[in-house]
């Protein structure tokens, strides 16, 4: 029975992957799983950040100027775009 290849090694040709020592395969697979886990955590953190910034913006809208609200929104957008580029 053929073993299913992990998603993290799909870009490696099968012939090369089969020649890779088992210890290296195990290390690469572990690193791939860790990357997937960190990407999920990042997505969760960005979701919470967006929720918190929405709450802060709501609070500030009653006591802050429009330029302060825009500055917060732009800072949030920059962080989100940076994280999206990092995930890609």
PDB file of N, CA and C in Angstrom:
ATOM      1  N   UNK A   1       0.844  -1.190   0.000  1.00  0.00           N
ATOM      2  CA  UNK A   1       0.000   0.000   0.000  1.00  0.00           C
ATOM      3  C   UNK A   1       0.885   1.249   0.000  1.00  0.00           C
ATOM      4  N   UNK A   2       0.570   2.189  -0.874  1.00  0.00           N
ATOM      5  CA  UNK A   2       1.360   3.408  -0.974  1.00  0.00           C
ATOM      6  C   UNK A   2       0.988   4.384   0.137  1.00  0.00           C
ATOM      7  N   UNK A   3       2.021   4.941   0.759  1.00  0.00           N
ATOM      8  CA  UNK A   3       1.827   5.890   1.851  1.00  0.00           C
ATOM      9  C   UNK A   3       1.451   7.257   1.284  1.00  0.00           C
ATOM     10  N   UNK A   4       0.451   7.922   1.892  1.00  0.00           N
ATOM     11  CA  UNK A   4       0.014   9.247   1.446  1.00  0.00           C
ATOM     12  C   UNK A   4       1.080  10.279   1.820  1.00  0.00           C
ATOM     13  N   UNK A   5       1.411  11.118   0.857  1.00  0.00           N
ATOM     14  CA  UNK A   5       2.416  12.153   1.109  1.00  0.00           C
ATOM     15  C   UNK A   5       1.782  13.341   1.815  1.00  0.00           C
ATOM     16  N   UNK A   6       2.481  13.907   2.778  1.00  0.00           N
ATOM     17  CA  UNK A   6       1.969  15.097   3.471  1.00  0.00           C
ATOM     18  C   UNK A   6       1.867  16.281   2.505  1.00  0.00           C
ATOM     19  N   UNK A   7       0.929  17.164   2.785  1.00  0.00           N
ATOM     20  CA  UNK A   7       0.703  18.330   1.922  1.00  0.00           C
ATOM     21  C   UNK A   7       1.955  19.198   1.801  1.00  0.00           C
ATOM     22  N   UNK A   8       2.747  19.250   2.861  1.00  0.00           N
ATOM     23  CA  UNK A   8       3.916  20.134   2.849  1.00  0.00           C
ATOM     24  C   UNK A   8       5.006  19.691   1.873  1.00  0.00           C
ATOM     25  N   UNK A   9       4.929  18.466   1.367  1.00  0.00           N
ATOM     26  CA  UNK A   9       5.950  17.987   0.436  1.00  0.00           C
ATOM     27  C   UNK A   9       5.417  17.789  -0.976  1.00  0.00           C
ATOM     28  N   UNK A  10       4.237  18.285  -1.247  1.00  0.00           N
ATOM     29  CA  UNK A  10       3.646  18.115  -2.576  1.00  0.00           C
ATOM     30  C   UNK A  10       4.487  18.751  -3.677  1.00  0.00           C
ATOM     31  N   UNK A  11       5.275  19.755  -3.338  1.00  0.00           N
ATOM     32  CA  UNK A  11       6.095  20.436  -4.341  1.00  0.00           C
ATOM     33  C   UNK A  11       7.391  19.678  -4.628  1.00  0.00           C
ATOM     34  N   UNK A  12       7.670  18.675  -3.816  1.00  0.00           N
ATOM     35  CA  UNK A  12       8.873  17.866  -4.013  1.00  0.00           C
ATOM     36  C   UNK A  12       8.496  16.684  -4.908  1.00  0.00           C
ATOM     37  N   UNK A  13       9.222  16.484  -5.996  1.00  0.00           N
ATOM     38  CA  UNK A  13       8.906  15.341  -6.862  1.00  0.00           C
ATOM     39  C   UNK A  13       8.949  14.027  -6.069  1.00  0.00           C
ATOM     40  N   UNK A  14       8.021  13.134  -6.370  1.00  0.00           N
ATOM     41  CA  UNK A  14       7.910  11.871  -5.649  1.00  0.00           C
ATOM     42  C   UNK A  14       9.221  11.094  -5.663  1.00  0.00           C
ATOM     43  N   UNK A  15       9.898  11.102  -6.791  1.00  0.00           N
ATOM     44  CA  UNK A  15      11.157  10.360  -6.887  1.00  0.00           C
ATOM     45  C   UNK A  15      12.193  10.912  -5.907  1.00  0.00           C
ATOM     46  N   UNK A  16      12.217  12.235  -5.722  1.00  0.00           N
ATOM     47  CA  UNK A  16      13.151  12.838  -4.770  1.00  0.00           C
ATOM     48  C   UNK A  16      12.736  12.540  -3.334  1.00  0.00           C
ATOM     49  N   UNK A  17      11.416  12.626  -3.067  1.00  0.00           N
ATOM     50  CA  UNK A  17      10.923  12.368  -1.711  1.00  0.00           C
ATOM     51  C   UNK A  17      11.240  10.932  -1.288  1.00  0.00           C
ATOM     52  N   UNK A  18      11.095  10.002  -2.205  1.00  0.00           N
ATOM     53  CA  UNK A  18      11.376   8.598  -1.883  1.00  0.00           C
ATOM     54  C   UNK A  18      12.850   8.358  -1.591  1.00  0.00           C
ATOM     55  N   UNK A  19      13.727   9.186  -2.155  1.00  0.00           N
ATOM     56  CA  UNK A  19      15.169   9.066  -1.905  1.00  0.00           C
ATOM     57  C   UNK A  19      15.594   9.755  -0.607  1.00  0.00           C
ATOM     58  N   UNK A  20      14.698  10.554  -0.059  1.00  0.00           N
ATOM     59  CA  UNK A  20      15.013  11.310   1.153  1.00  0.00           C
ATOM     60  C   UNK A  20      15.062  10.374   2.360  1.00  0.00           C
ATOM     61  N   UNK A  21      16.113  10.483   3.183  1.00  0.00           N
ATOM     62  CA  UNK A  21      16.195   9.623   4.370  1.00  0.00           C
ATOM     63  C   UNK A  21      14.963   9.789   5.265  1.00  0.00           C
ATOM     64  N   UNK A  22      14.571   8.704   5.921  1.00  0.00           N
ATOM     65  CA  UNK A  22      13.383   8.702   6.776  1.00  0.00           C
ATOM     66  C   UNK A  22      13.467   9.768   7.868  1.00  0.00           C
ATOM     67  N   UNK A  23      14.650   9.971   8.423  1.00  0.00           N
ATOM     68  CA  UNK A  23      14.789  10.969   9.487  1.00  0.00           C
ATOM     69  C   UNK A  23      14.496  12.380   8.967  1.00  0.00           C
ATOM     70  N   UNK A  24      14.899  12.654   7.744  1.00  0.00           N
ATOM     71  CA  UNK A  24      14.643  13.975   7.141  1.00  0.00           C
ATOM     72  C   UNK A  24      13.162  14.101   6.787  1.00  0.00           C
ATOM     73  N   UNK A  25      12.565  13.023   6.268  1.00  0.00           N
ATOM     74  CA  UNK A  25      11.137  13.043   5.972  1.00  0.00           C
ATOM     75  C   UNK A  25      10.338  13.356   7.241  1.00  0.00           C
ATOM     76  N   UNK A  26      10.717  12.701   8.326  1.00  0.00           N
ATOM     77  CA  UNK A  26      10.003  12.917   9.596  1.00  0.00           C
ATOM     78  C   UNK A  26      10.152  14.372  10.053  1.00  0.00           C
ATOM     79  N   UNK A  27      11.353  14.920   9.923  1.00  0.00           N
ATOM     80  CA  UNK A  27      11.591  16.313  10.312  1.00  0.00           C
ATOM     81  C   UNK A  27      10.765  17.275   9.454  1.00  0.00           C
ATOM     82  N   UNK A  28      10.749  17.063   8.144  1.00  0.00           N
ATOM     83  CA  UNK A  28       9.997  17.930   7.232  1.00  0.00           C
ATOM     84  C   UNK A  28       8.501  17.832   7.527  1.00  0.00           C
ATOM     85  N   UNK A  29       8.014  16.616   7.749  1.00  0.00           N
ATOM     86  CA  UNK A  29       6.594  16.435   8.056  1.00  0.00           C
ATOM     87  C   UNK A  29       6.232  17.155   9.362  1.00  0.00           C
ATOM     88  N   UNK A  30       7.091  17.047  10.362  1.00  0.00           N
ATOM     89  CA  UNK A  30       6.841  17.733  11.637  1.00  0.00           C
ATOM     90  C   UNK A  30       6.824  19.244  11.472  1.00  0.00           C
ATOM     91  N   UNK A  31       7.760  19.750  10.675  1.00  0.00           N
ATOM     92  CA  UNK A  31       7.810  21.192  10.434  1.00  0.00           C
ATOM     93  C   UNK A  31       6.570  21.648   9.673  1.00  0.00           C
ATOM     94  N   UNK A  32       6.111  20.836   8.732  1.00  0.00           N
ATOM     95  CA  UNK A  32       4.898  21.171   7.986  1.00  0.00           C
ATOM     96  C   UNK A  32       3.689  21.246   8.897  1.00  0.00           C
ATOM     97  N   UNK A  33       3.591  20.292   9.825  1.00  0.00           N
ATOM     98  CA  UNK A  33       2.479  20.305  10.780  1.00  0.00           C
ATOM     99  C   UNK A  33       2.560  21.531  11.688  1.00  0.00           C
ATOM    100  N   UNK A  34       3.778  21.880  12.090  1.00  0.00           N
ATOM    101  CA  UNK A  34       3.944  23.059  12.940  1.00  0.00           C
ATOM    102  C   UNK A  34       3.546  24.335  12.192  1.00  0.00           C
ATOM    103  N   UNK A  35       3.902  24.430  10.927  1.00  0.00           N
ATOM    104  CA  UNK A  35       3.527  25.601  10.124  1.00  0.00           C
ATOM    105  C   UNK A  35       2.012  25.701  10.003  1.00  0.00           C
ATOM    106  N   UNK A  36       1.350  24.573   9.733  1.00  0.00           N
ATOM    107  CA  UNK A  36      -0.111  24.580   9.630  1.00  0.00           C
ATOM    108  C   UNK A  36      -0.742  25.039  10.943  1.00  0.00           C
ATOM    109  N   UNK A  37      -0.210  24.556  12.058  1.00  0.00           N
ATOM    110  CA  UNK A  37      -0.732  24.945  13.365  1.00  0.00           C
ATOM    111  C   UNK A  37      -0.546  26.445  13.613  1.00  0.00           C
ATOM    112  N   UNK A  38       0.629  26.959  13.275  1.00  0.00           N
ATOM    113  CA  UNK A  38       0.899  28.390  13.468  1.00  0.00           C
ATOM    114  C   UNK A  38       0.023  29.254  12.565  1.00  0.00           C
ATOM    115  N   UNK A  39      -0.249  28.784  11.345  1.00  0.00           N
ATOM    116  CA  UNK A  39      -1.133  29.531  10.452  1.00  0.00           C
ATOM    117  C   UNK A  39      -2.545  29.600  11.034  1.00  0.00           C
ATOM    118  N   UNK A  40      -3.016  28.500  11.617  1.00  0.00           N
ATOM    119  CA  UNK A  40      -4.337  28.499  12.245  1.00  0.00           C
ATOM    120  C   UNK A  40      -4.367  29.457  13.430  1.00  0.00           C
ATOM    121  N   UNK A  41      -3.303  29.441  14.237  1.00  0.00           N
ATOM    122  CA  UNK A  41      -3.239  30.345  15.385  1.00  0.00           C
ATOM    123  C   UNK A  41      -3.240  31.793  14.919  1.00  0.00           C
ATOM    124  N   UNK A  42      -2.489  32.087  13.867  1.00  0.00           N
ATOM    125  CA  UNK A  42      -2.440  33.451  13.341  1.00  0.00           C
ATOM    126  C   UNK A  42      -3.810  33.908  12.880  1.00  0.00           C
ATOM    127  N   UNK A  43      -4.529  33.033  12.198  1.00  0.00           N
ATOM    128  CA  UNK A  43      -5.880  33.363  11.739  1.00  0.00           C
ATOM    129  C   UNK A  43      -6.780  33.678  12.927  1.00  0.00           C
ATOM    130  N   UNK A  44      -6.674  32.875  13.982  1.00  0.00           N
ATOM    131  CA  UNK A  44      -7.486  33.111  15.179  1.00  0.00           C
ATOM    132  C   UNK A  44      -7.125  34.440  15.839  1.00  0.00           C
ATOM    133  N   UNK A  45      -5.840  34.728  15.925  1.00  0.00           N
ATOM    134  CA  UNK A  45      -5.395  35.985  16.542  1.00  0.00           C
ATOM    135  C   UNK A  45      -5.881  37.180  15.728  1.00  0.00           C
ATOM    136  N   UNK A  46      -5.796  37.084  14.409  1.00  0.00           N
ATOM    137  CA  UNK A  46      -6.263  38.187  13.568  1.00  0.00           C
ATOM    138  C   UNK A  46      -7.764  38.394  13.695  1.00  0.00           C
ATOM    139  N   UNK A  47      -8.508  37.317  13.858  1.00  0.00           N
ATOM    140  CA  UNK A  47      -9.952  37.422  14.047  1.00  0.00           C
ATOM    141  C   UNK A  47     -10.267  38.142  15.351  1.00  0.00           C
ATOM    142  N   UNK A  48      -9.597  37.738  16.412  1.00  0.00           N
ATOM    143  CA  UNK A  48      -9.808  38.386  17.716  1.00  0.00           C
ATOM    144  C   UNK A  48      -9.380  39.847  17.645  1.00  0.00           C
ATOM    145  N   UNK A  49      -8.258  40.107  16.985  1.00  0.00           N
ATOM    146  CA  UNK A  49      -7.787  41.489  16.856  1.00  0.00           C
ATOM    147  C   UNK A  49      -8.827  42.346  16.140  1.00  0.00           C
ATOM    148  N   UNK A  50      -9.390  41.815  15.077  1.00  0.00           N
ATOM    149  CA  UNK A  50     -10.395  42.561  14.324  1.00  0.00           C
ATOM    150  C   UNK A  50     -11.615  42.859  15.197  1.00  0.00           C
ATOM    151  N   UNK A  51     -12.035  41.861  15.990  1.00  0.00           N
ATOM    152  CA  UNK A  51     -13.177  42.058  16.880  1.00  0.00           C
ATOM    153  C   UNK A  51     -12.870  43.135  17.922  1.00  0.00           C
ATOM    154  N   UNK A  52     -11.672  43.077  18.492  1.00  0.00           N
ATOM    155  CA  UNK A  52     -11.303  44.057  19.512  1.00  0.00           C
ATOM    156  C   UNK A  52     -11.188  45.462  18.925  1.00  0.00           C
ATOM    157  N   UNK A  53     -10.617  45.559  17.739  1.00  0.00           N
ATOM    158  CA  UNK A  53     -10.495  46.876  17.121  1.00  0.00           C
ATOM    159  C   UNK A  53     -11.856  47.445  16.751  1.00  0.00           C
ATOM    160  N   UNK A  54     -12.773  46.587  16.386  1.00  0.00           N
ATOM    161  CA  UNK A  54     -14.137  47.042  16.116  1.00  0.00           C
ATOM    162  C   UNK A  54     -14.761  47.597  17.388  1.00  0.00           C
ATOM    163  N   UNK A  55     -14.541  46.905  18.502  1.00  0.00           N
ATOM    164  CA  UNK A  55     -15.069  47.384  19.780  1.00  0.00           C
ATOM    165  C   UNK A  55     -14.424  48.710  20.175  1.00  0.00           C
ATOM    166  N   UNK A  56     -13.109  48.805  19.988  1.00  0.00           N
ATOM    167  CA  UNK A  56     -12.402  50.046  20.332  1.00  0.00           C
ATOM    168  C   UNK A  56     -12.886  51.187  19.438  1.00  0.00           C
ATOM    169  N   UNK A  57     -13.049  50.904  18.153  1.00  0.00           N
ATOM    170  CA  UNK A  57     -13.521  51.942  17.234  1.00  0.00           C
ATOM    171  C   UNK A  57     -14.912  52.420  17.635  1.00  0.00           C
ATOM    172  N   UNK A  58     -15.760  51.484  18.076  1.00  0.00           N
ATOM    173  CA  UNK A  58     -17.086  51.864  18.544  1.00  0.00           C
ATOM    174  C   UNK A  58     -17.007  52.762  19.761  1.00  0.00           C
ATOM    175  N   UNK A  59     -16.114  52.431  20.650  1.00  0.00           N
ATOM    176  CA  UNK A  59     -15.924  53.256  21.846  1.00  0.00           C
ATOM    177  C   UNK A  59     -15.381  54.625  21.464  1.00  0.00           C
ATOM    178  N   UNK A  60     -14.390  54.628  20.599  1.00  0.00           N
ATOM    179  CA  UNK A  60     -13.754  55.886  20.223  1.00  0.00           C
ATOM    180  C   UNK A  60     -14.670  56.773  19.388  1.00  0.00           C
ATOM    181  N   UNK A  61     -15.581  56.158  18.658  1.00  0.00           N
ATOM    182  CA  UNK A  61     -16.441  56.964  17.793  1.00  0.00           C
ATOM    183  C   UNK A  61     -17.286  57.940  18.598  1.00  0.00           C
ATOM    184  N   UNK A  62     -17.512  57.596  19.841  1.00  0.00           N
ATOM    185  CA  UNK A  62     -18.290  58.511  20.674  1.00  0.00           C
ATOM    186  C   UNK A  62     -17.412  59.580  21.322  1.00  0.00           C
ATOM    187  N   UNK A  63     -16.090  59.334  21.369  1.00  0.00           N
ATOM    188  CA  UNK A  63     -15.241  60.302  22.059  1.00  0.00           C
ATOM    189  C   UNK A  63     -14.017  60.735  21.254  1.00  0.00           C
ATOM    190  N   UNK A  64     -13.796  60.151  20.080  1.00  0.00           N
ATOM    191  CA  UNK A  64     -12.602  60.477  19.303  1.00  0.00           C
ATOM    192  C   UNK A  64     -12.981  61.214  18.029  1.00  0.00           C
ATOM    193  N   UNK A  65     -11.989  61.892  17.486  1.00  0.00           N
ATOM    194  CA  UNK A  65     -12.203  62.585  16.214  1.00  0.00           C
ATOM    195  C   UNK A  65     -12.164  61.569  15.072  1.00  0.00           C
ATOM    196  N   UNK A  66     -12.693  61.968  13.947  1.00  0.00           N
ATOM    197  CA  UNK A  66     -12.696  61.080  12.784  1.00  0.00           C
ATOM    198  C   UNK A  66     -11.274  60.734  12.361  1.00  0.00           C
ATOM    199  N   UNK A  67     -10.339  61.669  12.469  1.00  0.00           N
ATOM    200  CA  UNK A  67      -8.957  61.384  12.067  1.00  0.00           C
ATOM    201  C   UNK A  67      -8.323  60.331  12.977  1.00  0.00           C
ATOM    202  N   UNK A  68      -8.663  60.333  14.263  1.00  0.00           N
ATOM    203  CA  UNK A  68      -8.150  59.304  15.181  1.00  0.00           C
ATOM    204  C   UNK A  68      -8.733  57.933  14.828  1.00  0.00           C
ATOM    205  N   UNK A  69     -10.002  57.902  14.498  1.00  0.00           N
ATOM    206  CA  UNK A  69     -10.650  56.644  14.104  1.00  0.00           C
ATOM    207  C   UNK A  69     -10.013  56.119  12.816  1.00  0.00           C
ATOM    208  N   UNK A  70      -9.778  57.009  11.858  1.00  0.00           N
ATOM    209  CA  UNK A  70      -9.147  56.603  10.600  1.00  0.00           C
ATOM    210  C   UNK A  70      -7.741  56.072  10.836  1.00  0.00           C
ATOM    211  N   UNK A  71      -7.001  56.698  11.735  1.00  0.00           N
ATOM    212  CA  UNK A  71      -5.640  56.242  12.034  1.00  0.00           C
ATOM    213  C   UNK A  71      -5.653  54.833  12.609  1.00  0.00           C
ATOM    214  N   UNK A  72      -6.588  54.542  13.485  1.00  0.00           N
ATOM    215  CA  UNK A  72      -6.710  53.201  14.064  1.00  0.00           C
ATOM    216  C   UNK A  72      -7.094  52.197  12.981  1.00  0.00           C
ATOM    217  N   UNK A  73      -8.033  52.559  12.145  1.00  0.00           N
ATOM    218  CA  UNK A  73      -8.463  51.666  11.069  1.00  0.00           C
ATOM    219  C   UNK A  73      -7.320  51.379  10.102  1.00  0.00           C
ATOM    220  N   UNK A  74      -6.551  52.404   9.754  1.00  0.00           N
ATOM    221  CA  UNK A  74      -5.418  52.218   8.847  1.00  0.00           C
ATOM    222  C   UNK A  74      -4.332  51.349   9.475  1.00  0.00           C
ATOM    223  N   UNK A  75      -4.089  51.510  10.762  1.00  0.00           N
ATOM    224  CA  UNK A  75      -3.100  50.682  11.447  1.00  0.00           C
ATOM    225  C   UNK A  75      -3.546  49.231  11.446  1.00  0.00           C
ATOM    226  N   UNK A  76      -4.825  48.981  11.689  1.00  0.00           N
ATOM    227  CA  UNK A  76      -5.359  47.623  11.673  1.00  0.00           C
ATOM    228  C   UNK A  76      -5.237  47.017  10.282  1.00  0.00           C
ATOM    229  N   UNK A  77      -5.547  47.789   9.258  1.00  0.00           N
ATOM    230  CA  UNK A  77      -5.453  47.310   7.888  1.00  0.00           C
ATOM    231  C   UNK A  77      -4.010  46.940   7.550  1.00  0.00           C
ATOM    232  N   UNK A  78      -3.056  47.751   7.968  1.00  0.00           N
ATOM    233  CA  UNK A  78      -1.646  47.469   7.693  1.00  0.00           C
ATOM    234  C   UNK A  78      -1.210  46.170   8.362  1.00  0.00           C
ATOM    235  N   UNK A  79      -1.646  45.947   9.601  1.00  0.00           N
ATOM    236  CA  UNK A  79      -1.301  44.711  10.316  1.00  0.00           C
ATOM    237  C   UNK A  79      -1.917  43.514   9.609  1.00  0.00           C
ATOM    238  N   UNK A  80      -3.166  43.625   9.214  1.00  0.00           N
ATOM    239  CA  UNK A  80      -3.848  42.520   8.532  1.00  0.00           C
ATOM    240  C   UNK A  80      -3.187  42.203   7.193  1.00  0.00           C
ATOM    241  N   UNK A  81      -2.822  43.235   6.438  1.00  0.00           N
ATOM    242  CA  UNK A  81      -2.168  43.015   5.152  1.00  0.00           C
ATOM    243  C   UNK A  81      -0.798  42.382   5.343  1.00  0.00           C
ATOM    244  N   UNK A  82      -0.071  42.819   6.349  1.00  0.00           N
ATOM    245  CA  UNK A  82       1.236  42.247   6.641  1.00  0.00           C
ATOM    246  C   UNK A  82       1.122  40.773   6.982  1.00  0.00           C
ATOM    247  N   UNK A  83       0.129  40.427   7.779  1.00  0.00           N
ATOM    248  CA  UNK A  83      -0.070  39.028   8.176  1.00  0.00           C
ATOM    249  C   UNK A  83      -0.498  38.193   6.980  1.00  0.00           C
ATOM    250  N   UNK A  84      -1.301  38.748   6.108  1.00  0.00           N
ATOM    251  CA  UNK A  84      -1.749  38.018   4.916  1.00  0.00           C
ATOM    252  C   UNK A  84      -0.565  37.734   4.004  1.00  0.00           C
ATOM    253  N   UNK A  85       0.318  38.702   3.824  1.00  0.00           N
ATOM    254  CA  UNK A  85       1.498  38.506   3.001  1.00  0.00           C
ATOM    255  C   UNK A  85       2.384  37.441   3.626  1.00  0.00           C
ATOM    256  N   UNK A  86       2.506  37.450   4.940  1.00  0.00           N
ATOM    257  CA  UNK A  86       3.328  36.469   5.633  1.00  0.00           C
ATOM    258  C   UNK A  86       2.772  35.065   5.447  1.00  0.00           C
ATOM    259  N   UNK A  87       1.462  34.916   5.436  1.00  0.00           N
ATOM    260  CA  UNK A  87       0.841  33.597   5.281  1.00  0.00           C
ATOM    261  C   UNK A  87       1.008  33.056   3.876  1.00  0.00           C
ATOM    262  N   UNK A  88       1.086  33.913   2.905  1.00  0.00           N
ATOM    263  CA  UNK A  88       1.149  33.476   1.498  1.00  0.00           C
ATOM    264  C   UNK A  88       2.433  32.770   1.186  1.00  0.00           C
TER     265      UNK A  88
END
